[in-house]
């Protein structure tokens, strides 16, 4: 059995590291931490593992607004940095078409976040 390494250069949009709150919904809802974000998807830390291919509703607090979208679970792995008593999973999501208004707002938020991060690096 061959193990294929994912080629992150094949992503449609660069992901920006963030520290945001969000939620997932699939049969029930739960809070998640958003670790990176792009216009095409995000990486979450979740207390619940999901199967690859699962379609979920995701919400992410971007600024004063909550972005909501349908997304497909692309990858799930155990978060090696989590404590054994608090098992956490890293969940990679691909957005399934953002509404135009939300895509525009997300692009604006990401542009501002890149500027904030670059300003912090210069200090």
PDB file of N, CA and C in Angstrom:
ATOM      1  N   UNK A   1       0.842  -1.175   0.000  1.00  0.00           N
ATOM      2  CA  UNK A   1       0.000   0.000   0.000  1.00  0.00           C
ATOM      3  C   UNK A   1       0.885   1.235   0.000  1.00  0.00           C
ATOM      4  N   UNK A   2       0.716   2.090  -0.981  1.00  0.00           N
ATOM      5  CA  UNK A   2       1.499   3.313  -1.091  1.00  0.00           C
ATOM      6  C   UNK A   2       0.808   4.432  -0.327  1.00  0.00           C
ATOM      7  N   UNK A   3       1.601   5.255   0.334  1.00  0.00           N
ATOM      8  CA  UNK A   3       1.067   6.412   1.040  1.00  0.00           C
ATOM      9  C   UNK A   3       1.387   7.641   0.211  1.00  0.00           C
ATOM     10  N   UNK A   4       0.354   8.375  -0.149  1.00  0.00           N
ATOM     11  CA  UNK A   4       0.532   9.573  -0.952  1.00  0.00           C
ATOM     12  C   UNK A   4       0.565  10.792  -0.051  1.00  0.00           C
ATOM     13  N   UNK A   5       1.531  11.646  -0.258  1.00  0.00           N
ATOM     14  CA  UNK A   5       1.611  12.885   0.492  1.00  0.00           C
ATOM     15  C   UNK A   5       0.811  13.953  -0.234  1.00  0.00           C
ATOM     16  N   UNK A   6       0.012  14.699   0.505  1.00  0.00           N
ATOM     17  CA  UNK A   6      -0.801  15.739  -0.106  1.00  0.00           C
ATOM     18  C   UNK A   6       0.066  16.869  -0.618  1.00  0.00           C
ATOM     19  N   UNK A   7      -0.286  17.386  -1.772  1.00  0.00           N
ATOM     20  CA  UNK A   7       0.421  18.501  -2.374  1.00  0.00           C
ATOM     21  C   UNK A   7      -0.363  19.772  -2.074  1.00  0.00           C
ATOM     22  N   UNK A   8       0.099  20.540  -1.052  1.00  0.00           N
ATOM     23  CA  UNK A   8      -0.641  21.735  -0.674  1.00  0.00           C
ATOM     24  C   UNK A   8      -0.552  22.819  -1.735  1.00  0.00           C
ATOM     25  N   UNK A   9       0.404  22.698  -2.664  1.00  0.00           N
ATOM     26  CA  UNK A   9       0.485  23.695  -3.732  1.00  0.00           C
ATOM     27  C   UNK A   9      -0.694  23.566  -4.691  1.00  0.00           C
ATOM     28  N   UNK A  10      -1.427  22.454  -4.613  1.00  0.00           N
ATOM     29  CA  UNK A  10      -2.579  22.249  -5.489  1.00  0.00           C
ATOM     30  C   UNK A  10      -3.830  22.953  -4.967  1.00  0.00           C
ATOM     31  N   UNK A  11      -3.747  23.590  -3.806  1.00  0.00           N
ATOM     32  CA  UNK A  11      -4.905  24.306  -3.271  1.00  0.00           C
ATOM     33  C   UNK A  11      -5.279  25.454  -4.179  1.00  0.00           C
ATOM     34  N   UNK A  12      -6.576  25.719  -4.233  1.00  0.00           N
ATOM     35  CA  UNK A  12      -7.075  26.796  -5.093  1.00  0.00           C
ATOM     36  C   UNK A  12      -6.779  28.180  -4.523  1.00  0.00           C
ATOM     37  N   UNK A  13      -6.601  28.277  -3.209  1.00  0.00           N
ATOM     38  CA  UNK A  13      -6.358  29.578  -2.577  1.00  0.00           C
ATOM     39  C   UNK A  13      -5.441  29.376  -1.374  1.00  0.00           C
ATOM     40  N   UNK A  14      -4.542  30.324  -1.134  1.00  0.00           N
ATOM     41  CA  UNK A  14      -3.653  30.180   0.029  1.00  0.00           C
ATOM     42  C   UNK A  14      -4.437  30.300   1.329  1.00  0.00           C
ATOM     43  N   UNK A  15      -4.031  29.521   2.310  1.00  0.00           N
ATOM     44  CA  UNK A  15      -4.681  29.578   3.614  1.00  0.00           C
ATOM     45  C   UNK A  15      -3.906  30.511   4.532  1.00  0.00           C
ATOM     46  N   UNK A  16      -4.628  31.297   5.291  1.00  0.00           N
ATOM     47  CA  UNK A  16      -4.063  32.279   6.195  1.00  0.00           C
ATOM     48  C   UNK A  16      -4.225  31.746   7.623  1.00  0.00           C
ATOM     49  N   UNK A  17      -3.128  31.686   8.415  1.00  0.00           N
ATOM     50  CA  UNK A  17      -3.275  31.259   9.812  1.00  0.00           C
ATOM     51  C   UNK A  17      -4.155  32.241  10.581  1.00  0.00           C
ATOM     52  N   UNK A  18      -5.103  31.715  11.325  1.00  0.00           N
ATOM     53  CA  UNK A  18      -6.018  32.543  12.117  1.00  0.00           C
ATOM     54  C   UNK A  18      -6.268  31.855  13.455  1.00  0.00           C
ATOM     55  N   UNK A  19      -6.904  32.553  14.342  1.00  0.00           N
ATOM     56  CA  UNK A  19      -7.347  32.004  15.626  1.00  0.00           C
ATOM     57  C   UNK A  19      -8.773  32.507  15.823  1.00  0.00           C
ATOM     58  N   UNK A  20      -9.733  31.771  15.248  1.00  0.00           N
ATOM     59  CA  UNK A  20     -11.124  32.202  15.247  1.00  0.00           C
ATOM     60  C   UNK A  20     -12.024  31.145  15.868  1.00  0.00           C
ATOM     61  N   UNK A  21     -13.181  31.583  16.305  1.00  0.00           N
ATOM     62  CA  UNK A  21     -14.196  30.660  16.806  1.00  0.00           C
ATOM     63  C   UNK A  21     -15.132  30.291  15.681  1.00  0.00           C
ATOM     64  N   UNK A  22     -15.663  29.093  15.764  1.00  0.00           N
ATOM     65  CA  UNK A  22     -16.624  28.655  14.775  1.00  0.00           C
ATOM     66  C   UNK A  22     -17.456  27.513  15.309  1.00  0.00           C
ATOM     67  N   UNK A  23     -18.258  26.945  14.438  1.00  0.00           N
ATOM     68  CA  UNK A  23     -19.082  25.791  14.798  1.00  0.00           C
ATOM     69  C   UNK A  23     -19.266  24.904  13.573  1.00  0.00           C
ATOM     70  N   UNK A  24     -19.538  23.654  13.845  1.00  0.00           N
ATOM     71  CA  UNK A  24     -19.886  22.678  12.812  1.00  0.00           C
ATOM     72  C   UNK A  24     -21.243  22.098  13.150  1.00  0.00           C
ATOM     73  N   UNK A  25     -21.961  21.703  12.126  1.00  0.00           N
ATOM     74  CA  UNK A  25     -23.248  21.060  12.326  1.00  0.00           C
ATOM     75  C   UNK A  25     -23.357  19.877  11.376  1.00  0.00           C
ATOM     76  N   UNK A  26     -23.574  18.707  11.974  1.00  0.00           N
ATOM     77  CA  UNK A  26     -23.837  17.465  11.244  1.00  0.00           C
ATOM     78  C   UNK A  26     -24.564  16.549  12.220  1.00  0.00           C
ATOM     79  N   UNK A  27     -25.864  16.512  12.111  1.00  0.00           N
ATOM     80  CA  UNK A  27     -26.753  15.798  13.044  1.00  0.00           C
ATOM     81  C   UNK A  27     -26.865  16.516  14.380  1.00  0.00           C
ATOM     82  N   UNK A  28     -25.811  17.191  14.829  1.00  0.00           N
ATOM     83  CA  UNK A  28     -25.831  18.057  16.001  1.00  0.00           C
ATOM     84  C   UNK A  28     -24.802  19.155  15.745  1.00  0.00           C
ATOM     85  N   UNK A  29     -24.751  20.134  16.618  1.00  0.00           N
ATOM     86  CA  UNK A  29     -23.805  21.241  16.446  1.00  0.00           C
ATOM     87  C   UNK A  29     -22.809  21.255  17.588  1.00  0.00           C
ATOM     88  N   UNK A  30     -21.579  21.701  17.302  1.00  0.00           N
ATOM     89  CA  UNK A  30     -20.565  21.839  18.331  1.00  0.00           C
ATOM     90  C   UNK A  30     -19.567  22.925  17.927  1.00  0.00           C
ATOM     91  N   UNK A  31     -18.919  23.490  18.934  1.00  0.00           N
ATOM     92  CA  UNK A  31     -17.942  24.548  18.713  1.00  0.00           C
ATOM     93  C   UNK A  31     -16.624  23.972  18.225  1.00  0.00           C
ATOM     94  N   UNK A  32     -15.927  24.758  17.409  1.00  0.00           N
ATOM     95  CA  UNK A  32     -14.621  24.380  16.879  1.00  0.00           C
ATOM     96  C   UNK A  32     -13.707  25.601  16.934  1.00  0.00           C
ATOM     97  N   UNK A  33     -12.412  25.363  16.815  1.00  0.00           N
ATOM     98  CA  UNK A  33     -11.425  26.426  16.668  1.00  0.00           C
ATOM     99  C   UNK A  33     -10.967  26.417  15.214  1.00  0.00           C
ATOM    100  N   UNK A  34     -10.966  27.574  14.573  1.00  0.00           N
ATOM    101  CA  UNK A  34     -10.533  27.689  13.183  1.00  0.00           C
ATOM    102  C   UNK A  34      -9.057  28.083  13.202  1.00  0.00           C
ATOM    103  N   UNK A  35      -8.201  27.231  12.616  1.00  0.00           N
ATOM    104  CA  UNK A  35      -6.755  27.429  12.662  1.00  0.00           C
ATOM    105  C   UNK A  35      -6.205  28.105  11.419  1.00  0.00           C
ATOM    106  N   UNK A  36      -6.811  27.849  10.272  1.00  0.00           N
ATOM    107  CA  UNK A  36      -6.457  28.586   9.059  1.00  0.00           C
ATOM    108  C   UNK A  36      -7.691  28.682   8.171  1.00  0.00           C
ATOM    109  N   UNK A  37      -7.637  29.660   7.237  1.00  0.00           N
ATOM    110  CA  UNK A  37      -8.835  29.996   6.485  1.00  0.00           C
ATOM    111  C   UNK A  37      -8.449  30.528   5.112  1.00  0.00           C
ATOM    112  N   UNK A  38      -9.235  30.182   4.115  1.00  0.00           N
ATOM    113  CA  UNK A  38      -9.081  30.726   2.769  1.00  0.00           C
ATOM    114  C   UNK A  38     -10.469  30.833   2.152  1.00  0.00           C
ATOM    115  N   UNK A  39     -10.544  31.358   0.923  1.00  0.00           N
ATOM    116  CA  UNK A  39     -11.847  31.439   0.261  1.00  0.00           C
ATOM    117  C   UNK A  39     -12.317  30.070  -0.214  1.00  0.00           C
ATOM    118  N   UNK A  40     -11.441  29.068  -0.183  1.00  0.00           N
ATOM    119  CA  UNK A  40     -11.839  27.738  -0.645  1.00  0.00           C
ATOM    120  C   UNK A  40     -12.008  26.716   0.475  1.00  0.00           C
ATOM    121  N   UNK A  41     -11.593  27.059   1.707  1.00  0.00           N
ATOM    122  CA  UNK A  41     -11.727  26.090   2.787  1.00  0.00           C
ATOM    123  C   UNK A  41     -11.059  26.553   4.065  1.00  0.00           C
ATOM    124  N   UNK A  42     -10.946  25.618   5.018  1.00  0.00           N
ATOM    125  CA  UNK A  42     -10.346  25.957   6.303  1.00  0.00           C
ATOM    126  C   UNK A  42      -9.867  24.692   7.008  1.00  0.00           C
ATOM    127  N   UNK A  43      -9.067  24.908   8.044  1.00  0.00           N
ATOM    128  CA  UNK A  43      -8.615  23.835   8.923  1.00  0.00           C
ATOM    129  C   UNK A  43      -9.160  24.130  10.305  1.00  0.00           C
ATOM    130  N   UNK A  44      -9.823  23.135  10.895  1.00  0.00           N
ATOM    131  CA  UNK A  44     -10.444  23.284  12.201  1.00  0.00           C
ATOM    132  C   UNK A  44      -9.825  22.331  13.203  1.00  0.00           C
ATOM    133  N   UNK A  45      -9.943  22.696  14.462  1.00  0.00           N
ATOM    134  CA  UNK A  45      -9.668  21.761  15.553  1.00  0.00           C
ATOM    135  C   UNK A  45     -11.023  21.454  16.184  1.00  0.00           C
ATOM    136  N   UNK A  46     -11.340  20.164  16.257  1.00  0.00           N
ATOM    137  CA  UNK A  46     -12.663  19.734  16.703  1.00  0.00           C
ATOM    138  C   UNK A  46     -12.538  18.602  17.712  1.00  0.00           C
ATOM    139  N   UNK A  47     -13.480  18.543  18.635  1.00  0.00           N
ATOM    140  CA  UNK A  47     -13.523  17.440  19.587  1.00  0.00           C
ATOM    141  C   UNK A  47     -14.141  16.196  18.966  1.00  0.00           C
ATOM    142  N   UNK A  48     -14.712  16.346  17.776  1.00  0.00           N
ATOM    143  CA  UNK A  48     -15.395  15.247  17.105  1.00  0.00           C
ATOM    144  C   UNK A  48     -14.730  14.944  15.766  1.00  0.00           C
ATOM    145  N   UNK A  49     -14.472  13.670  15.519  1.00  0.00           N
ATOM    146  CA  UNK A  49     -13.920  13.256  14.224  1.00  0.00           C
ATOM    147  C   UNK A  49     -15.074  13.044  13.251  1.00  0.00           C
ATOM    148  N   UNK A  50     -14.822  13.336  11.992  1.00  0.00           N
ATOM    149  CA  UNK A  50     -15.812  13.121  10.940  1.00  0.00           C
ATOM    150  C   UNK A  50     -15.179  12.298   9.838  1.00  0.00           C
ATOM    151  N   UNK A  51     -15.985  11.598   9.082  1.00  0.00           N
ATOM    152  CA  UNK A  51     -15.482  10.822   7.956  1.00  0.00           C
ATOM    153  C   UNK A  51     -15.215  11.727   6.765  1.00  0.00           C
ATOM    154  N   UNK A  52     -14.144  11.429   6.025  1.00  0.00           N
ATOM    155  CA  UNK A  52     -13.868  12.169   4.794  1.00  0.00           C
ATOM    156  C   UNK A  52     -15.064  12.046   3.859  1.00  0.00           C
ATOM    157  N   UNK A  53     -15.386  13.144   3.189  1.00  0.00           N
ATOM    158  CA  UNK A  53     -16.520  13.167   2.267  1.00  0.00           C
ATOM    159  C   UNK A  53     -17.819  13.636   2.893  1.00  0.00           C
ATOM    160  N   UNK A  54     -17.881  13.695   4.227  1.00  0.00           N
ATOM    161  CA  UNK A  54     -19.089  14.139   4.907  1.00  0.00           C
ATOM    162  C   UNK A  54     -19.376  15.597   4.571  1.00  0.00           C
ATOM    163  N   UNK A  55     -20.635  15.917   4.324  1.00  0.00           N
ATOM    164  CA  UNK A  55     -21.054  17.293   4.074  1.00  0.00           C
ATOM    165  C   UNK A  55     -21.556  17.873   5.387  1.00  0.00           C
ATOM    166  N   UNK A  56     -21.036  19.058   5.756  1.00  0.00           N
ATOM    167  CA  UNK A  56     -21.386  19.694   7.023  1.00  0.00           C
ATOM    168  C   UNK A  56     -21.752  21.155   6.778  1.00  0.00           C
ATOM    169  N   UNK A  57     -22.411  21.740   7.747  1.00  0.00           N
ATOM    170  CA  UNK A  57     -22.596  23.187   7.789  1.00  0.00           C
ATOM    171  C   UNK A  57     -21.506  23.724   8.706  1.00  0.00           C
ATOM    172  N   UNK A  58     -20.865  24.812   8.290  1.00  0.00           N
ATOM    173  CA  UNK A  58     -19.799  25.408   9.089  1.00  0.00           C
ATOM    174  C   UNK A  58     -20.093  26.890   9.263  1.00  0.00           C
ATOM    175  N   UNK A  59     -19.787  27.386  10.435  1.00  0.00           N
ATOM    176  CA  UNK A  59     -19.897  28.817  10.709  1.00  0.00           C
ATOM    177  C   UNK A  59     -18.581  29.299  11.281  1.00  0.00           C
ATOM    178  N   UNK A  60     -18.140  30.470  10.831  1.00  0.00           N
ATOM    179  CA  UNK A  60     -16.881  31.050  11.302  1.00  0.00           C
ATOM    180  C   UNK A  60     -17.127  32.519  11.606  1.00  0.00           C
ATOM    181  N   UNK A  61     -16.732  32.950  12.797  1.00  0.00           N
ATOM    182  CA  UNK A  61     -16.859  34.351  13.161  1.00  0.00           C
ATOM    183  C   UNK A  61     -15.710  35.133  12.531  1.00  0.00           C
ATOM    184  N   UNK A  62     -16.011  35.914  11.487  1.00  0.00           N
ATOM    185  CA  UNK A  62     -15.016  36.747  10.812  1.00  0.00           C
ATOM    186  C   UNK A  62     -15.383  38.201  11.088  1.00  0.00           C
ATOM    187  N   UNK A  63     -14.614  38.819  11.955  1.00  0.00           N
ATOM    188  CA  UNK A  63     -14.936  40.185  12.348  1.00  0.00           C
ATOM    189  C   UNK A  63     -16.233  40.204  13.128  1.00  0.00           C
ATOM    190  N   UNK A  64     -17.142  41.085  12.744  1.00  0.00           N
ATOM    191  CA  UNK A  64     -18.418  41.205  13.449  1.00  0.00           C
ATOM    192  C   UNK A  64     -19.498  40.337  12.822  1.00  0.00           C
ATOM    193  N   UNK A  65     -19.165  39.615  11.783  1.00  0.00           N
ATOM    194  CA  UNK A  65     -20.149  38.811  11.048  1.00  0.00           C
ATOM    195  C   UNK A  65     -19.799  37.333  11.132  1.00  0.00           C
ATOM    196  N   UNK A  66     -20.807  36.498  11.058  1.00  0.00           N
ATOM    197  CA  UNK A  66     -20.594  35.049  11.025  1.00  0.00           C
ATOM    198  C   UNK A  66     -20.792  34.553   9.598  1.00  0.00           C
ATOM    199  N   UNK A  67     -19.728  33.982   9.049  1.00  0.00           N
ATOM    200  CA  UNK A  67     -19.772  33.367   7.728  1.00  0.00           C
ATOM    201  C   UNK A  67     -20.361  31.969   7.895  1.00  0.00           C
ATOM    202  N   UNK A  68     -21.331  31.606   7.067  1.00  0.00           N
ATOM    203  CA  UNK A  68     -21.878  30.252   7.100  1.00  0.00           C
ATOM    204  C   UNK A  68     -21.808  29.664   5.704  1.00  0.00           C
ATOM    205  N   UNK A  69     -21.523  28.363   5.634  1.00  0.00           N
ATOM    206  CA  UNK A  69     -21.387  27.705   4.334  1.00  0.00           C
ATOM    207  C   UNK A  69     -21.562  26.202   4.492  1.00  0.00           C
ATOM    208  N   UNK A  70     -21.851  25.568   3.381  1.00  0.00           N
ATOM    209  CA  UNK A  70     -21.781  24.110   3.292  1.00  0.00           C
ATOM    210  C   UNK A  70     -20.336  23.770   2.969  1.00  0.00           C
ATOM    211  N   UNK A  71     -19.850  22.652   3.509  1.00  0.00           N
ATOM    212  CA  UNK A  71     -18.467  22.254   3.263  1.00  0.00           C
ATOM    213  C   UNK A  71     -18.367  20.736   3.245  1.00  0.00           C
ATOM    214  N   UNK A  72     -17.321  20.256   2.573  1.00  0.00           N
ATOM    215  CA  UNK A  72     -17.034  18.825   2.512  1.00  0.00           C
ATOM    216  C   UNK A  72     -15.784  18.560   3.340  1.00  0.00           C
ATOM    217  N   UNK A  73     -15.830  17.505   4.155  1.00  0.00           N
ATOM    218  CA  UNK A  73     -14.661  17.094   4.919  1.00  0.00           C
ATOM    219  C   UNK A  73     -13.679  16.454   3.949  1.00  0.00           C
ATOM    220  N   UNK A  74     -12.485  17.023   3.857  1.00  0.00           N
ATOM    221  CA  UNK A  74     -11.452  16.525   2.960  1.00  0.00           C
ATOM    222  C   UNK A  74     -10.478  15.612   3.692  1.00  0.00           C
ATOM    223  N   UNK A  75     -10.150  15.983   4.933  1.00  0.00           N
ATOM    224  CA  UNK A  75      -9.142  15.221   5.675  1.00  0.00           C
ATOM    225  C   UNK A  75      -9.410  15.357   7.161  1.00  0.00           C
ATOM    226  N   UNK A  76      -9.157  14.288   7.906  1.00  0.00           N
ATOM    227  CA  UNK A  76      -9.270  14.298   9.362  1.00  0.00           C
ATOM    228  C   UNK A  76      -8.071  13.561   9.925  1.00  0.00           C
ATOM    229  N   UNK A  77      -7.455  14.157  10.947  1.00  0.00           N
ATOM    230  CA  UNK A  77      -6.346  13.479  11.624  1.00  0.00           C
ATOM    231  C   UNK A  77      -6.380  13.833  13.100  1.00  0.00           C
ATOM    232  N   UNK A  78      -5.753  13.001  13.898  1.00  0.00           N
ATOM    233  CA  UNK A  78      -5.645  13.257  15.326  1.00  0.00           C
ATOM    234  C   UNK A  78      -4.657  14.396  15.530  1.00  0.00           C
ATOM    235  N   UNK A  79      -5.022  15.375  16.332  1.00  0.00           N
ATOM    236  CA  UNK A  79      -4.143  16.508  16.615  1.00  0.00           C
ATOM    237  C   UNK A  79      -3.102  16.057  17.629  1.00  0.00           C
ATOM    238  N   UNK A  80      -1.875  15.910  17.180  1.00  0.00           N
ATOM    239  CA  UNK A  80      -0.798  15.435  18.045  1.00  0.00           C
ATOM    240  C   UNK A  80      -0.469  16.367  19.189  1.00  0.00           C
ATOM    241  N   UNK A  81      -0.897  17.629  19.106  1.00  0.00           N
ATOM    242  CA  UNK A  81      -0.607  18.585  20.164  1.00  0.00           C
ATOM    243  C   UNK A  81      -1.652  18.549  21.276  1.00  0.00           C
ATOM    244  N   UNK A  82      -2.725  17.799  21.098  1.00  0.00           N
ATOM    245  CA  UNK A  82      -3.774  17.773  22.122  1.00  0.00           C
ATOM    246  C   UNK A  82      -3.415  16.779  23.219  1.00  0.00           C
ATOM    247  N   UNK A  83      -3.959  17.023  24.388  1.00  0.00           N
ATOM    248  CA  UNK A  83      -3.728  16.135  25.526  1.00  0.00           C
ATOM    249  C   UNK A  83      -4.554  14.859  25.352  1.00  0.00           C
ATOM    250  N   UNK A  84      -4.047  13.714  25.835  1.00  0.00           N
ATOM    251  CA  UNK A  84      -4.792  12.457  25.677  1.00  0.00           C
ATOM    252  C   UNK A  84      -6.202  12.509  26.261  1.00  0.00           C
ATOM    253  N   UNK A  85      -6.392  13.233  27.362  1.00  0.00           N
ATOM    254  CA  UNK A  85      -7.714  13.297  27.991  1.00  0.00           C
ATOM    255  C   UNK A  85      -8.672  14.182  27.192  1.00  0.00           C
ATOM    256  N   UNK A  86      -8.146  15.028  26.339  1.00  0.00           N
ATOM    257  CA  UNK A  86      -8.983  15.937  25.558  1.00  0.00           C
ATOM    258  C   UNK A  86      -8.687  15.729  24.081  1.00  0.00           C
ATOM    259  N   UNK A  87      -8.966  14.532  23.590  1.00  0.00           N
ATOM    260  CA  UNK A  87      -8.661  14.198  22.196  1.00  0.00           C
ATOM    261  C   UNK A  87      -9.251  15.243  21.267  1.00  0.00           C
ATOM    262  N   UNK A  88      -8.435  15.753  20.390  1.00  0.00           N
ATOM    263  CA  UNK A  88      -8.861  16.732  19.411  1.00  0.00           C
ATOM    264  C   UNK A  88      -8.469  16.252  18.030  1.00  0.00           C
ATOM    265  N   UNK A  89      -9.240  16.655  17.059  1.00  0.00           N
ATOM    266  CA  UNK A  89      -8.989  16.262  15.675  1.00  0.00           C
ATOM    267  C   UNK A  89      -8.773  17.507  14.828  1.00  0.00           C
ATOM    268  N   UNK A  90      -7.924  17.386  13.834  1.00  0.00           N
ATOM    269  CA  UNK A  90      -7.757  18.421  12.829  1.00  0.00           C
ATOM    270  C   UNK A  90      -8.624  18.028  11.645  1.00  0.00           C
ATOM    271  N   UNK A  91      -9.485  18.932  11.230  1.00  0.00           N
ATOM    272  CA  UNK A  91     -10.456  18.656  10.175  1.00  0.00           C
ATOM    273  C   UNK A  91     -10.262  19.684   9.055  1.00  0.00           C
ATOM    274  N   UNK A  92      -9.903  19.190   7.874  1.00  0.00           N
ATOM    275  CA  UNK A  92      -9.765  20.052   6.704  1.00  0.00           C
ATOM    276  C   UNK A  92     -11.063  20.077   5.928  1.00  0.00           C
ATOM    277  N   UNK A  93     -11.576  21.278   5.663  1.00  0.00           N
ATOM    278  CA  UNK A  93     -12.844  21.435   4.958  1.00  0.00           C
ATOM    279  C   UNK A  93     -12.646  22.174   3.643  1.00  0.00           C
ATOM    280  N   UNK A  94     -13.435  21.795   2.649  1.00  0.00           N
ATOM    281  CA  UNK A  94     -13.502  22.515   1.373  1.00  0.00           C
ATOM    282  C   UNK A  94     -14.897  23.112   1.280  1.00  0.00           C
ATOM    283  N   UNK A  95     -14.954  24.444   1.127  1.00  0.00           N
ATOM    284  CA  UNK A  95     -16.253  25.094   0.983  1.00  0.00           C
ATOM    285  C   UNK A  95     -16.889  24.671  -0.329  1.00  0.00           C
ATOM    286  N   UNK A  96     -18.208  24.482  -0.293  1.00  0.00           N
ATOM    287  CA  UNK A  96     -18.956  24.078  -1.482  1.00  0.00           C
ATOM    288  C   UNK A  96     -19.714  25.279  -2.029  1.00  0.00           C
ATOM    289  N   UNK A  97     -18.994  26.250  -2.508  1.00  0.00           N
ATOM    290  CA  UNK A  97     -19.612  27.429  -3.107  1.00  0.00           C
ATOM    291  C   UNK A  97     -20.164  28.393  -2.091  1.00  0.00           C
ATOM    292  N   UNK A  98     -19.422  29.450  -1.832  1.00  0.00           N
ATOM    293  CA  UNK A  98     -19.901  30.495  -0.938  1.00  0.00           C
ATOM    294  C   UNK A  98     -20.842  31.427  -1.704  1.00  0.00           C
ATOM    295  N   UNK A  99     -21.901  31.905  -1.056  1.00  0.00           N
ATOM    296  CA  UNK A  99     -22.723  32.934  -1.693  1.00  0.00           C
ATOM    297  C   UNK A  99     -21.835  34.153  -2.008  1.00  0.00           C
ATOM    298  N   UNK A 100     -22.112  34.881  -3.092  1.00  0.00           N
ATOM    299  CA  UNK A 100     -21.243  35.991  -3.506  1.00  0.00           C
ATOM    300  C   UNK A 100     -20.959  37.013  -2.408  1.00  0.00           C
ATOM    301  N   UNK A 101     -21.975  37.404  -1.648  1.00  0.00           N
ATOM    302  CA  UNK A 101     -21.763  38.397  -0.588  1.00  0.00           C
ATOM    303  C   UNK A 101     -20.791  37.870   0.464  1.00  0.00           C
ATOM    304  N   UNK A 102     -20.966  36.623   0.862  1.00  0.00           N
ATOM    305  CA  UNK A 102     -20.086  36.061   1.884  1.00  0.00           C
ATOM    306  C   UNK A 102     -18.671  35.863   1.354  1.00  0.00           C
ATOM    307  N   UNK A 103     -18.538  35.494   0.079  1.00  0.00           N
ATOM    308  CA  UNK A 103     -17.203  35.352  -0.500  1.00  0.00           C
ATOM    309  C   UNK A 103     -16.482  36.699  -0.514  1.00  0.00           C
ATOM    310  N   UNK A 104     -17.201  37.757  -0.871  1.00  0.00           N
ATOM    311  CA  UNK A 104     -16.610  39.094  -0.879  1.00  0.00           C
ATOM    312  C   UNK A 104     -16.174  39.506   0.524  1.00  0.00           C
ATOM    313  N   UNK A 105     -17.038  39.281   1.508  1.00  0.00           N
ATOM    314  CA  UNK A 105     -16.695  39.621   2.891  1.00  0.00           C
ATOM    315  C   UNK A 105     -15.514  38.801   3.390  1.00  0.00           C
ATOM    316  N   UNK A 106     -15.467  37.522   3.023  1.00  0.00           N
ATOM    317  CA  UNK A 106     -14.356  36.677   3.437  1.00  0.00           C
ATOM    318  C   UNK A 106     -13.058  37.147   2.797  1.00  0.00           C
ATOM    319  N   UNK A 107     -13.089  37.476   1.505  1.00  0.00           N
ATOM    320  CA  UNK A 107     -11.882  38.005   0.845  1.00  0.00           C
ATOM    321  C   UNK A 107     -11.395  39.275   1.539  1.00  0.00           C
ATOM    322  N   UNK A 108     -12.310  40.161   1.882  1.00  0.00           N
ATOM    323  CA  UNK A 108     -11.944  41.400   2.573  1.00  0.00           C
ATOM    324  C   UNK A 108     -11.309  41.079   3.933  1.00  0.00           C
ATOM    325  N   UNK A 109     -11.938  40.190   4.696  1.00  0.00           N
ATOM    326  CA  UNK A 109     -11.397  39.800   6.001  1.00  0.00           C
ATOM    327  C   UNK A 109     -10.000  39.216   5.856  1.00  0.00           C
ATOM    328  N   UNK A 110      -9.794  38.318   4.883  1.00  0.00           N
ATOM    329  CA  UNK A 110      -8.484  37.684   4.691  1.00  0.00           C
ATOM    330  C   UNK A 110      -7.428  38.700   4.287  1.00  0.00           C
ATOM    331  N   UNK A 111      -7.785  39.648   3.406  1.00  0.00           N
ATOM    332  CA  UNK A 111      -6.836  40.701   3.025  1.00  0.00           C
ATOM    333  C   UNK A 111      -6.415  41.514   4.246  1.00  0.00           C
ATOM    334  N   UNK A 112      -7.382  41.871   5.085  1.00  0.00           N
ATOM    335  CA  UNK A 112      -7.078  42.629   6.298  1.00  0.00           C
ATOM    336  C   UNK A 112      -6.226  41.812   7.264  1.00  0.00           C
ATOM    337  N   UNK A 113      -6.510  40.526   7.372  1.00  0.00           N
ATOM    338  CA  UNK A 113      -5.750  39.654   8.276  1.00  0.00           C
ATOM    339  C   UNK A 113      -4.299  39.540   7.817  1.00  0.00           C
ATOM    340  N   UNK A 114      -4.057  39.418   6.521  1.00  0.00           N
ATOM    341  CA  UNK A 114      -2.690  39.360   5.988  1.00  0.00           C
ATOM    342  C   UNK A 114      -1.961  40.657   6.335  1.00  0.00           C
ATOM    343  N   UNK A 115      -2.627  41.806   6.157  1.00  0.00           N
ATOM    344  CA  UNK A 115      -1.998  43.089   6.497  1.00  0.00           C
ATOM    345  C   UNK A 115      -1.663  43.172   7.984  1.00  0.00           C
ATOM    346  N   UNK A 116      -2.581  42.704   8.848  1.00  0.00           N
ATOM    347  CA  UNK A 116      -2.328  42.723  10.298  1.00  0.00           C
ATOM    348  C   UNK A 116      -1.124  41.848  10.643  1.00  0.00           C
ATOM    349  N   UNK A 117      -1.062  40.660  10.055  1.00  0.00           N
ATOM    350  CA  UNK A 117       0.044  39.744  10.346  1.00  0.00           C
ATOM    351  C   UNK A 117       1.366  40.307   9.851  1.00  0.00           C
ATOM    352  N   UNK A 118       1.372  40.930   8.690  1.00  0.00           N
ATOM    353  CA  UNK A 118       2.596  41.530   8.157  1.00  0.00           C
ATOM    354  C   UNK A 118       3.047  42.696   9.027  1.00  0.00           C
ATOM    355  N   UNK A 119       2.109  43.479   9.548  1.00  0.00           N
ATOM    356  CA  UNK A 119       2.450  44.593  10.423  1.00  0.00           C
ATOM    357  C   UNK A 119       3.071  44.084  11.732  1.00  0.00           C
ATOM    358  N   UNK A 120       2.548  42.988  12.282  1.00  0.00           N
ATOM    359  CA  UNK A 120       3.102  42.409  13.519  1.00  0.00           C
ATOM    360  C   UNK A 120       4.508  41.874  13.285  1.00  0.00           C
ATOM    361  N   UNK A 121       4.755  41.301  12.105  1.00  0.00           N
ATOM    362  CA  UNK A 121       6.091  40.755  11.788  1.00  0.00           C
ATOM    363  C   UNK A 121       7.124  41.859  11.675  1.00  0.00           C
ATOM    364  N   UNK A 122       6.723  43.050  11.229  1.00  0.00           N
ATOM    365  CA  UNK A 122       7.667  44.165  11.066  1.00  0.00           C
ATOM    366  C   UNK A 122       8.083  44.770  12.391  1.00  0.00           C
ATOM    367  N   UNK A 123       7.280  44.577  13.422  1.00  0.00           N
ATOM    368  CA  UNK A 123       7.574  45.186  14.727  1.00  0.00           C
ATOM    369  C   UNK A 123       8.666  44.449  15.442  1.00  0.00           C
TER     370      UNK A 123
END
